[in-house]
Amino acid sequence: MDFFSWPPVAAVLDAAYRLVIALSDAFAGFAGPASGIVAVIVLTMLVRLILLPVGVSQVRAELTRRRLAPRLAELQRRHAGDREALARATVELYRTEEASPFAGMLPLIAQIPVLATVYALFSRATIAGHVNSLLGEHAWGAPLGTSFVGLTGVGPGIWQALPVSVVVLALIALVTAVSRRVLAVPVPDGSATPNTGVVRALSFLPYATVVFAAFVPLAAAVYILTSTTWTVLERYLLRRLLDPARPGGADGTARPSISR
């Protein structure tokens, strides 16, 4: 069974379709042929605005993990030869502090359905039984329903469409590089962070997003670019609002970061 044809999912997809069409029509006056891509950007910003409380909880969870880092390091030293005891002690510490080590994953999980919806909007020939006119949307000659990899099937128009996709992918790579510095996990002075090497290795994982964006429709890649940019700005501002100990905060003390 086609998941997107299931009535509840099809209804949500159709509502999203009509919203994108309305946004595209609203911006057609000044955005011209790029109104479709502007509609995707605005849609992304609306979604991220709705998820702002989730972003706040993510930053608070990050600050909690930083505060607990010295105690977690002590637990690692104390239970160096007993993984089960370490796991029990770690769970007990988070329970006592009323915190969760997985709290920071919520924003990513919350966006998966949205990204899947954008992907479906610009990849399906029909939506809720009617023709999907979004597949005809272009931005400066690049079809929003075609991926960077899929441009090989565009024919002679590839040379007009290729620069747009390349610019979007390059911007995703740039924002990802910036995010590795701006969103790096702070380490309290004089403490060791458990599994620092693992965290450093995982800090390179976001670059896989560039590869993923090359295989999804251009509209979905624009969603990824807009959402990633929003994340960098949101976390940068929230850290300074919620944590005065950050650089430029109340105590003016700079904190080292594990990704450097």
C-alpha atoms as a PDB file:
ATOM      1  CA  MET A   1       0.000   0.000   0.000  1.00  0.00           C
ATOM      2  CA  ASP A   2       1.173   3.497  -0.865  1.00  0.00           C
ATOM      3  CA  PHE A   3       1.681   5.260   2.475  1.00  0.00           C
ATOM      4  CA  PHE A   4       0.929   8.705   1.018  1.00  0.00           C
ATOM      5  CA  SER A   5      -2.387   7.415  -0.391  1.00  0.00           C
ATOM      6  CA  TRP A   6      -3.624   6.377   3.040  1.00  0.00           C
ATOM      7  CA  PRO A   7      -6.610   8.739   3.648  1.00  0.00           C
ATOM      8  CA  PRO A   8      -5.324  10.486   6.837  1.00  0.00           C
ATOM      9  CA  VAL A   9      -1.858  11.008   5.310  1.00  0.00           C
ATOM     10  CA  ALA A  10      -3.335  12.042   1.945  1.00  0.00           C
ATOM     11  CA  ALA A  11      -5.493  14.651   3.713  1.00  0.00           C
ATOM     12  CA  VAL A  12      -2.475  16.145   5.493  1.00  0.00           C
ATOM     13  CA  LEU A  13      -0.482  16.099   2.248  1.00  0.00           C
ATOM     14  CA  ASP A  14      -3.316  17.806   0.374  1.00  0.00           C
ATOM     15  CA  ALA A  15      -3.552  20.507   3.060  1.00  0.00           C
ATOM     16  CA  ALA A  16       0.212  21.090   2.797  1.00  0.00           C
ATOM     17  CA  TYR A  17      -0.114  21.197  -1.009  1.00  0.00           C
ATOM     18  CA  ARG A  18      -2.796  23.881  -0.863  1.00  0.00           C
ATOM     19  CA  LEU A  19      -0.727  25.904   1.623  1.00  0.00           C
ATOM     20  CA  VAL A  20       2.360  25.841  -0.619  1.00  0.00           C
ATOM     21  CA  ILE A  21       0.250  26.768  -3.658  1.00  0.00           C
ATOM     22  CA  ALA A  22      -1.298  29.682  -1.722  1.00  0.00           C
ATOM     23  CA  LEU A  23       2.128  30.884  -0.577  1.00  0.00           C
ATOM     24  CA  SER A  24       3.514  30.585  -4.100  1.00  0.00           C
ATOM     25  CA  ASP A  25       0.626  32.617  -5.506  1.00  0.00           C
ATOM     26  CA  ALA A  26       1.037  35.215  -2.753  1.00  0.00           C
ATOM     27  CA  PHE A  27       4.718  35.756  -3.563  1.00  0.00           C
ATOM     28  CA  ALA A  28       4.377  35.563  -7.346  1.00  0.00           C
ATOM     29  CA  GLY A  29       4.084  39.336  -7.597  1.00  0.00           C
ATOM     30  CA  PHE A  30       7.640  40.067  -6.468  1.00  0.00           C
ATOM     31  CA  ALA A  31       9.368  36.683  -6.656  1.00  0.00           C
ATOM     32  CA  GLY A  32       8.213  35.885 -10.190  1.00  0.00           C
ATOM     33  CA  PRO A  33       9.366  32.457 -11.388  1.00  0.00           C
ATOM     34  CA  ALA A  34      11.089  31.857  -8.049  1.00  0.00           C
ATOM     35  CA  SER A  35       7.818  32.092  -6.075  1.00  0.00           C
ATOM     36  CA  GLY A  36       7.815  28.332  -5.528  1.00  0.00           C
ATOM     37  CA  ILE A  37      11.191  28.333  -3.828  1.00  0.00           C
ATOM     38  CA  VAL A  38      10.182  31.365  -1.730  1.00  0.00           C
ATOM     39  CA  ALA A  39       7.049  29.467  -0.668  1.00  0.00           C
ATOM     40  CA  VAL A  40       9.214  26.565   0.545  1.00  0.00           C
ATOM     41  CA  ILE A  41      11.448  28.965   2.507  1.00  0.00           C
ATOM     42  CA  VAL A  42       8.449  30.647   4.157  1.00  0.00           C
ATOM     43  CA  LEU A  43       6.880  27.256   4.928  1.00  0.00           C
ATOM     44  CA  THR A  44      10.136  26.152   6.586  1.00  0.00           C
ATOM     45  CA  MET A  45      10.281  29.313   8.688  1.00  0.00           C
ATOM     46  CA  LEU A  46       6.669  28.828   9.804  1.00  0.00           C
ATOM     47  CA  VAL A  47       7.444  25.256  10.868  1.00  0.00           C
ATOM     48  CA  ARG A  48      10.573  26.317  12.770  1.00  0.00           C
ATOM     49  CA  LEU A  49       8.643  29.133  14.455  1.00  0.00           C
ATOM     50  CA  ILE A  50       6.089  26.592  15.683  1.00  0.00           C
ATOM     51  CA  LEU A  51       8.950  24.401  16.928  1.00  0.00           C
ATOM     52  CA  LEU A  52      10.623  27.271  18.797  1.00  0.00           C
ATOM     53  CA  PRO A  53       9.583  25.915  22.243  1.00  0.00           C
ATOM     54  CA  VAL A  54      11.249  22.634  21.269  1.00  0.00           C
ATOM     55  CA  GLY A  55      14.417  24.562  20.422  1.00  0.00           C
ATOM     56  CA  VAL A  56      14.347  26.212  23.844  1.00  0.00           C
ATOM     57  CA  SER A  57      14.049  22.812  25.536  1.00  0.00           C
ATOM     58  CA  GLN A  58      16.952  21.534  23.426  1.00  0.00           C
ATOM     59  CA  VAL A  59      19.261  24.345  24.557  1.00  0.00           C
ATOM     60  CA  ARG A  60      18.220  23.851  28.181  1.00  0.00           C
ATOM     61  CA  ALA A  61      18.984  20.135  27.839  1.00  0.00           C
ATOM     62  CA  GLU A  62      22.387  21.038  26.391  1.00  0.00           C
ATOM     63  CA  LEU A  63      23.121  23.312  29.351  1.00  0.00           C
ATOM     64  CA  THR A  64      22.079  20.532  31.730  1.00  0.00           C
ATOM     65  CA  ARG A  65      24.454  18.080  30.044  1.00  0.00           C
ATOM     66  CA  ARG A  66      27.261  20.610  30.335  1.00  0.00           C
ATOM     67  CA  ARG A  67      26.499  21.126  34.016  1.00  0.00           C
ATOM     68  CA  LEU A  68      26.513  17.371  34.622  1.00  0.00           C
ATOM     69  CA  ALA A  69      29.684  16.722  32.599  1.00  0.00           C
ATOM     70  CA  PRO A  70      32.080  16.772  35.592  1.00  0.00           C
ATOM     71  CA  ARG A  71      29.856  14.363  37.539  1.00  0.00           C
ATOM     72  CA  LEU A  72      29.520  12.063  34.528  1.00  0.00           C
ATOM     73  CA  ALA A  73      33.297  12.071  34.152  1.00  0.00           C
ATOM     74  CA  GLU A  74      33.644  11.144  37.827  1.00  0.00           C
ATOM     75  CA  LEU A  75      31.205   8.254  37.355  1.00  0.00           C
ATOM     76  CA  GLN A  76      33.301   7.021  34.437  1.00  0.00           C
ATOM     77  CA  ARG A  77      36.412   7.031  36.594  1.00  0.00           C
ATOM     78  CA  ARG A  78      34.643   5.360  39.502  1.00  0.00           C
ATOM     79  CA  HIS A  79      33.077   2.581  37.384  1.00  0.00           C
ATOM     80  CA  ALA A  80      35.822   2.265  34.754  1.00  0.00           C
ATOM     81  CA  GLY A  81      35.718  -1.543  34.795  1.00  0.00           C
ATOM     82  CA  ASP A  82      31.985  -2.076  35.235  1.00  0.00           C
ATOM     83  CA  ARG A  83      29.778  -0.943  32.331  1.00  0.00           C
ATOM     84  CA  GLU A  84      26.557  -2.058  34.002  1.00  0.00           C
ATOM     85  CA  ALA A  85      27.308  -0.104  37.170  1.00  0.00           C
ATOM     86  CA  LEU A  86      28.217   2.926  35.059  1.00  0.00           C
ATOM     87  CA  ALA A  87      24.942   2.683  33.138  1.00  0.00           C
ATOM     88  CA  ARG A  88      22.912   2.402  36.356  1.00  0.00           C
ATOM     89  CA  ALA A  89      24.745   5.324  37.956  1.00  0.00           C
ATOM     90  CA  THR A  90      24.281   7.468  34.832  1.00  0.00           C
ATOM     91  CA  VAL A  91      20.552   6.744  34.669  1.00  0.00           C
ATOM     92  CA  GLU A  92      20.234   7.519  38.380  1.00  0.00           C
ATOM     93  CA  LEU A  93      22.073  10.828  37.949  1.00  0.00           C
ATOM     94  CA  TYR A  94      19.771  11.943  35.133  1.00  0.00           C
ATOM     95  CA  ARG A  95      16.734  10.772  37.135  1.00  0.00           C
ATOM     96  CA  THR A  96      17.829  12.712  40.201  1.00  0.00           C
ATOM     97  CA  GLU A  97      18.419  15.836  38.104  1.00  0.00           C
ATOM     98  CA  GLU A  98      15.091  15.314  36.271  1.00  0.00           C
ATOM     99  CA  ALA A  99      16.932  15.460  32.957  1.00  0.00           C
ATOM    100  CA  SER A 100      17.172  13.232  29.894  1.00  0.00           C
ATOM    101  CA  PRO A 101      20.249  12.472  27.774  1.00  0.00           C
ATOM    102  CA  PHE A 102      17.964  12.241  24.730  1.00  0.00           C
ATOM    103  CA  ALA A 103      16.169  15.590  25.109  1.00  0.00           C
ATOM    104  CA  GLY A 104      18.262  17.218  22.385  1.00  0.00           C
ATOM    105  CA  MET A 105      17.014  14.761  19.755  1.00  0.00           C
ATOM    106  CA  LEU A 106      13.430  16.062  19.800  1.00  0.00           C
ATOM    107  CA  PRO A 107      13.829  18.894  17.226  1.00  0.00           C
ATOM    108  CA  LEU A 108      15.362  16.503  14.687  1.00  0.00           C
ATOM    109  CA  ILE A 109      12.621  13.917  15.225  1.00  0.00           C
ATOM    110  CA  ALA A 110       9.919  16.592  14.991  1.00  0.00           C
ATOM    111  CA  GLN A 111      11.172  17.732  11.574  1.00  0.00           C
ATOM    112  CA  ILE A 112      11.271  14.296   9.938  1.00  0.00           C
ATOM    113  CA  PRO A 113       7.520  14.309   9.060  1.00  0.00           C
ATOM    114  CA  VAL A 114       7.830  17.843   7.640  1.00  0.00           C
ATOM    115  CA  LEU A 115      10.795  16.938   5.436  1.00  0.00           C
ATOM    116  CA  ALA A 116       8.938  13.805   4.272  1.00  0.00           C
ATOM    117  CA  THR A 117       5.936  15.987   3.393  1.00  0.00           C
ATOM    118  CA  VAL A 118       8.045  18.432   1.354  1.00  0.00           C
ATOM    119  CA  TYR A 119       9.692  15.486  -0.397  1.00  0.00           C
ATOM    120  CA  ALA A 120       6.279  14.035  -1.298  1.00  0.00           C
ATOM    121  CA  LEU A 121       4.935  17.410  -2.464  1.00  0.00           C
ATOM    122  CA  PHE A 122       7.691  17.714  -5.051  1.00  0.00           C
ATOM    123  CA  SER A 123       8.032  14.092  -6.120  1.00  0.00           C
ATOM    124  CA  ARG A 124       4.516  12.680  -6.541  1.00  0.00           C
ATOM    125  CA  ALA A 125       2.569  13.036  -9.778  1.00  0.00           C
ATOM    126  CA  THR A 126      -0.764  13.100  -7.946  1.00  0.00           C
ATOM    127  CA  ILE A 127      -1.809  14.231  -4.469  1.00  0.00           C
ATOM    128  CA  ALA A 128      -5.096  13.123  -2.927  1.00  0.00           C
ATOM    129  CA  GLY A 129      -6.312  12.091  -6.378  1.00  0.00           C
ATOM    130  CA  HIS A 130      -5.548  15.327  -8.244  1.00  0.00           C
ATOM    131  CA  VAL A 131      -2.643  16.388 -10.436  1.00  0.00           C
ATOM    132  CA  ASN A 132       0.332  17.821  -8.570  1.00  0.00           C
ATOM    133  CA  SER A 133       0.975  21.188 -10.218  1.00  0.00           C
ATOM    134  CA  LEU A 134       3.963  21.822  -7.936  1.00  0.00           C
ATOM    135  CA  LEU A 135       6.018  19.574 -10.212  1.00  0.00           C
ATOM    136  CA  GLY A 136       5.868  22.388 -12.763  1.00  0.00           C
ATOM    137  CA  GLU A 137       7.463  24.903 -10.381  1.00  0.00           C
ATOM    138  CA  HIS A 138      10.931  26.180 -11.363  1.00  0.00           C
ATOM    139  CA  ALA A 139      13.461  28.544  -9.825  1.00  0.00           C
ATOM    140  CA  TRP A 140      15.775  30.279 -12.302  1.00  0.00           C
ATOM    141  CA  GLY A 141      15.347  27.366 -14.695  1.00  0.00           C
ATOM    142  CA  ALA A 142      15.815  24.609 -12.107  1.00  0.00           C
ATOM    143  CA  PRO A 143      12.816  22.302 -11.537  1.00  0.00           C
ATOM    144  CA  LEU A 144      11.957  22.140  -7.830  1.00  0.00           C
ATOM    145  CA  GLY A 145      10.916  18.514  -8.220  1.00  0.00           C
ATOM    146  CA  THR A 146      14.286  17.328  -9.547  1.00  0.00           C
ATOM    147  CA  SER A 147      17.326  16.465  -7.460  1.00  0.00           C
ATOM    148  CA  PHE A 148      20.923  17.397  -8.242  1.00  0.00           C
ATOM    149  CA  VAL A 149      21.584  13.768  -9.156  1.00  0.00           C
ATOM    150  CA  GLY A 150      18.403  13.631 -11.237  1.00  0.00           C
ATOM    151  CA  LEU A 151      19.422  16.595 -13.389  1.00  0.00           C
ATOM    152  CA  THR A 152      21.062  14.177 -15.831  1.00  0.00           C
ATOM    153  CA  GLY A 153      17.575  13.450 -17.149  1.00  0.00           C
ATOM    154  CA  VAL A 154      16.677  17.091 -17.722  1.00  0.00           C
ATOM    155  CA  GLY A 155      18.312  17.146 -21.140  1.00  0.00           C
ATOM    156  CA  PRO A 156      19.579  20.390 -22.706  1.00  0.00           C
ATOM    157  CA  GLY A 157      18.178  22.387 -19.780  1.00  0.00           C
ATOM    158  CA  ILE A 158      20.706  20.863 -17.391  1.00  0.00           C
ATOM    159  CA  TRP A 159      23.167  23.743 -17.871  1.00  0.00           C
ATOM    160  CA  GLN A 160      20.528  26.235 -16.777  1.00  0.00           C
ATOM    161  CA  ALA A 161      19.347  24.134 -13.829  1.00  0.00           C
ATOM    162  CA  LEU A 162      22.736  22.897 -12.615  1.00  0.00           C
ATOM    163  CA  PRO A 163      24.040  26.197 -11.123  1.00  0.00           C
ATOM    164  CA  VAL A 164      20.975  26.552  -8.869  1.00  0.00           C
ATOM    165  CA  SER A 165      21.404  23.072  -7.398  1.00  0.00           C
ATOM    166  CA  VAL A 166      25.151  23.568  -6.988  1.00  0.00           C
ATOM    167  CA  VAL A 167      24.624  26.858  -5.131  1.00  0.00           C
ATOM    168  CA  VAL A 168      22.063  25.277  -2.792  1.00  0.00           C
ATOM    169  CA  LEU A 169      24.365  22.332  -2.000  1.00  0.00           C
ATOM    170  CA  ALA A 170      27.339  24.678  -1.508  1.00  0.00           C
ATOM    171  CA  LEU A 171      25.317  26.816   0.907  1.00  0.00           C
ATOM    172  CA  ILE A 172      24.266  23.717   2.869  1.00  0.00           C
ATOM    173  CA  ALA A 173      27.945  22.751   3.167  1.00  0.00           C
ATOM    174  CA  LEU A 174      28.841  26.297   4.274  1.00  0.00           C
ATOM    175  CA  VAL A 175      26.090  26.490   6.892  1.00  0.00           C
ATOM    176  CA  THR A 176      27.072  23.020   8.131  1.00  0.00           C
ATOM    177  CA  ALA A 177      30.679  24.166   8.568  1.00  0.00           C
ATOM    178  CA  VAL A 178      29.506  27.222  10.488  1.00  0.00           C
ATOM    179  CA  SER A 179      27.185  25.094  12.625  1.00  0.00           C
ATOM    180  CA  ARG A 180      30.099  22.874  13.732  1.00  0.00           C
ATOM    181  CA  ARG A 181      31.585  25.940  15.422  1.00  0.00           C
ATOM    182  CA  VAL A 182      28.446  27.738  16.550  1.00  0.00           C
ATOM    183  CA  LEU A 183      26.696  24.585  17.789  1.00  0.00           C
ATOM    184  CA  ALA A 184      29.783  22.856  19.211  1.00  0.00           C
ATOM    185  CA  VAL A 185      29.166  21.310  22.617  1.00  0.00           C
ATOM    186  CA  PRO A 186      30.795  23.498  25.303  1.00  0.00           C
ATOM    187  CA  VAL A 187      33.090  21.786  27.793  1.00  0.00           C
ATOM    188  CA  PRO A 188      33.331  23.164  31.351  1.00  0.00           C
ATOM    189  CA  ASP A 189      36.817  24.309  32.340  1.00  0.00           C
ATOM    190  CA  GLY A 190      38.880  21.671  34.101  1.00  0.00           C
ATOM    191  CA  SER A 191      36.538  18.763  33.388  1.00  0.00           C
ATOM    192  CA  ALA A 192      36.633  15.846  31.020  1.00  0.00           C
ATOM    193  CA  THR A 193      33.635  15.049  28.911  1.00  0.00           C
ATOM    194  CA  PRO A 194      32.709  11.349  28.625  1.00  0.00           C
ATOM    195  CA  ASN A 195      33.123   9.894  25.151  1.00  0.00           C
ATOM    196  CA  THR A 196      34.682  13.125  23.864  1.00  0.00           C
ATOM    197  CA  GLY A 197      36.260  11.253  20.946  1.00  0.00           C
ATOM    198  CA  VAL A 198      32.900   9.833  19.929  1.00  0.00           C
ATOM    199  CA  VAL A 199      31.271  13.256  20.109  1.00  0.00           C
ATOM    200  CA  ARG A 200      34.049  14.721  17.971  1.00  0.00           C
ATOM    201  CA  ALA A 201      33.537  12.022  15.356  1.00  0.00           C
ATOM    202  CA  LEU A 202      29.773  12.579  15.396  1.00  0.00           C
ATOM    203  CA  SER A 203      30.312  16.324  14.905  1.00  0.00           C
ATOM    204  CA  PHE A 204      31.256  15.542  11.287  1.00  0.00           C
ATOM    205  CA  LEU A 205      27.995  13.650  10.720  1.00  0.00           C
ATOM    206  CA  PRO A 206      26.056  16.768   9.576  1.00  0.00           C
ATOM    207  CA  TYR A 207      28.177  16.815   6.387  1.00  0.00           C
ATOM    208  CA  ALA A 208      26.241  13.718   5.323  1.00  0.00           C
ATOM    209  CA  THR A 209      23.317  16.121   4.926  1.00  0.00           C
ATOM    210  CA  VAL A 210      24.995  17.553   1.812  1.00  0.00           C
ATOM    211  CA  VAL A 211      25.094  14.097   0.228  1.00  0.00           C
ATOM    212  CA  PHE A 212      21.481  13.450   1.232  1.00  0.00           C
ATOM    213  CA  ALA A 213      20.405  16.828  -0.223  1.00  0.00           C
ATOM    214  CA  ALA A 214      21.920  15.886  -3.581  1.00  0.00           C
ATOM    215  CA  PHE A 215      19.448  12.992  -3.906  1.00  0.00           C
ATOM    216  CA  VAL A 216      16.211  14.722  -2.864  1.00  0.00           C
ATOM    217  CA  PRO A 217      14.149  17.215  -4.906  1.00  0.00           C
ATOM    218  CA  LEU A 218      15.548  20.742  -5.010  1.00  0.00           C
ATOM    219  CA  ALA A 219      12.594  21.950  -2.908  1.00  0.00           C
ATOM    220  CA  ALA A 220      13.537  19.497  -0.126  1.00  0.00           C
ATOM    221  CA  ALA A 221      17.177  20.633  -0.357  1.00  0.00           C
ATOM    222  CA  VAL A 222      15.989  24.244   0.068  1.00  0.00           C
ATOM    223  CA  TYR A 223      14.018  23.130   3.132  1.00  0.00           C
ATOM    224  CA  ILE A 224      17.195  21.554   4.568  1.00  0.00           C
ATOM    225  CA  LEU A 225      19.203  24.722   3.852  1.00  0.00           C
ATOM    226  CA  THR A 226      16.619  27.024   5.435  1.00  0.00           C
ATOM    227  CA  SER A 227      16.087  24.796   8.464  1.00  0.00           C
ATOM    228  CA  THR A 228      19.824  24.367   9.077  1.00  0.00           C
ATOM    229  CA  THR A 229      20.381  28.125   8.854  1.00  0.00           C
ATOM    230  CA  TRP A 230      17.506  28.718  11.272  1.00  0.00           C
ATOM    231  CA  THR A 231      19.013  26.171  13.693  1.00  0.00           C
ATOM    232  CA  VAL A 232      22.380  27.948  13.735  1.00  0.00           C
ATOM    233  CA  LEU A 233      20.825  31.357  14.398  1.00  0.00           C
ATOM    234  CA  GLU A 234      18.311  30.003  16.924  1.00  0.00           C
ATOM    235  CA  ARG A 235      20.866  28.085  18.993  1.00  0.00           C
ATOM    236  CA  TYR A 236      23.346  30.975  18.871  1.00  0.00           C
ATOM    237  CA  LEU A 237      20.769  33.405  20.257  1.00  0.00           C
ATOM    238  CA  LEU A 238      19.164  31.025  22.756  1.00  0.00           C
ATOM    239  CA  ARG A 239      22.508  30.066  24.263  1.00  0.00           C
ATOM    240  CA  ARG A 240      23.184  33.700  25.038  1.00  0.00           C
ATOM    241  CA  LEU A 241      19.706  34.303  26.380  1.00  0.00           C
ATOM    242  CA  LEU A 242      19.606  31.184  28.560  1.00  0.00           C
ATOM    243  CA  ASP A 243      23.278  30.865  29.531  1.00  0.00           C
ATOM    244  CA  PRO A 244      25.023  34.089  30.687  1.00  0.00           C
ATOM    245  CA  ALA A 245      28.260  32.117  31.162  1.00  0.00           C
ATOM    246  CA  ARG A 246      28.724  31.861  27.395  1.00  0.00           C
ATOM    247  CA  PRO A 247      31.239  34.219  25.686  1.00  0.00           C
ATOM    248  CA  GLY A 248      29.860  37.713  25.941  1.00  0.00           C
ATOM    249  CA  GLY A 249      27.570  36.637  28.778  1.00  0.00           C
ATOM    250  CA  ALA A 250      27.404  37.821  32.359  1.00  0.00           C
ATOM    251  CA  ASP A 251      30.814  36.566  33.451  1.00  0.00           C
ATOM    252  CA  GLY A 252      32.511  37.061  30.076  1.00  0.00           C
ATOM    253  CA  THR A 253      34.275  33.693  30.424  1.00  0.00           C
ATOM    254  CA  ALA A 254      35.068  31.903  27.184  1.00  0.00           C
ATOM    255  CA  ARG A 255      34.453  28.166  27.159  1.00  0.00           C
ATOM    256  CA  PRO A 256      36.424  25.703  25.037  1.00  0.00           C
ATOM    257  CA  SER A 257      34.584  23.617  22.491  1.00  0.00           C
ATOM    258  CA  ILE A 258      35.212  19.968  21.658  1.00  0.00           C
ATOM    259  CA  SER A 259      35.023  20.412  17.885  1.00  0.00           C
ATOM    260  CA  ARG A 260      38.081  22.632  17.649  1.00  0.00           C
END
